[in-house]
Amino acid sequence: MPAMTKTTSDTPTIQVLERTFGLLDVLASYQDPVSLKVIAEQTGLHPSTAHRILNDLTIGGFVERPQAGSYRLGMRLLELGNLVKARLDVRDAALGPMRELHKLTHQPVNLSMRQGDEIVYIERSYSERSGMQVVRAVGGRAPLHLTSVGKLFLAQDDAQRVRAYATRTGLAGQTRNSITELAALERELARVRQSGVARDDEELELGVRCMAAGIYDDQHKLVAGLSISAPADRLEEAWLDRLRLVAVQISAVLGHRA
């Protein structure tokens, strides 16, 4: 019967599984094959114990042995990972955290993705308590340069692509605060790249301000943006750190590792 470890909320109850997880974590931290000696040292396992577990993992395809005495992660993990990834949906991952963020702020929390030269609102958590009418419902669109999430996506583009966007769209404005000149947009995007967050200061709608943080997938690709919208005089800077944290948590569910 396998030896048992002390039961906790985050510790495996079967010792061999705990050891297996440790071995896989060590292999995951190296790009090249790792020697049995190094694996044993880093896991604290006796080499013979590590060798037995690694052999079983090799049989299952979870570990590969490219040459005698060295190991690396196996293709079976990639197959299983792709199955999990196929089931992941950014909306599903974000919905719960968005609701919690809304409870904290009592303001609309939006999830948006890029589609061409616009963002599309794919989910929103809000209530009448916000005191703000939601003009753009789920499925609504808005120009990239006029929205906080749109600026996150534009900040990912190089200078040539930003100029091409400006040419295509003419940087048409909606309010007196809208950014309508390329030089101003470039300065704004530089601030976004530096801070990692973006803002809309009544640029899309007068009386409405927004702040946004990015959501990333396992390939470090920006796939969506999470934003808080509020009446201009009610947007609190104290929400920014919480917004960042929630965006990081959603990204982690999608496989992103900071």
Foldseek 3Di string as FASTA:
>chain_A
DADADDDDPPADGGVLVNLVVLLQVVLVVDPDWAFLVVSCVSSVHDSVSSVVSQVVCVVVQQWPDPDPGTIHGGCVVVVVVVVLLVPDDLCVLQVVVLQVLCVVQQFKKFKWFDDPQKIFTQDIDHDVSQVDDDPADHRGIDGLQQAFFSLLVLLVDDPVVLVVSCVVVQQDWDDPPGDRDSVVSVVQSVVCVVPQKGKHQCGNHPQKIKIKHFAAAQVRDGGIIMMTMHGNVRDDPVSVVVRHVSSVSSNVSRNHDD
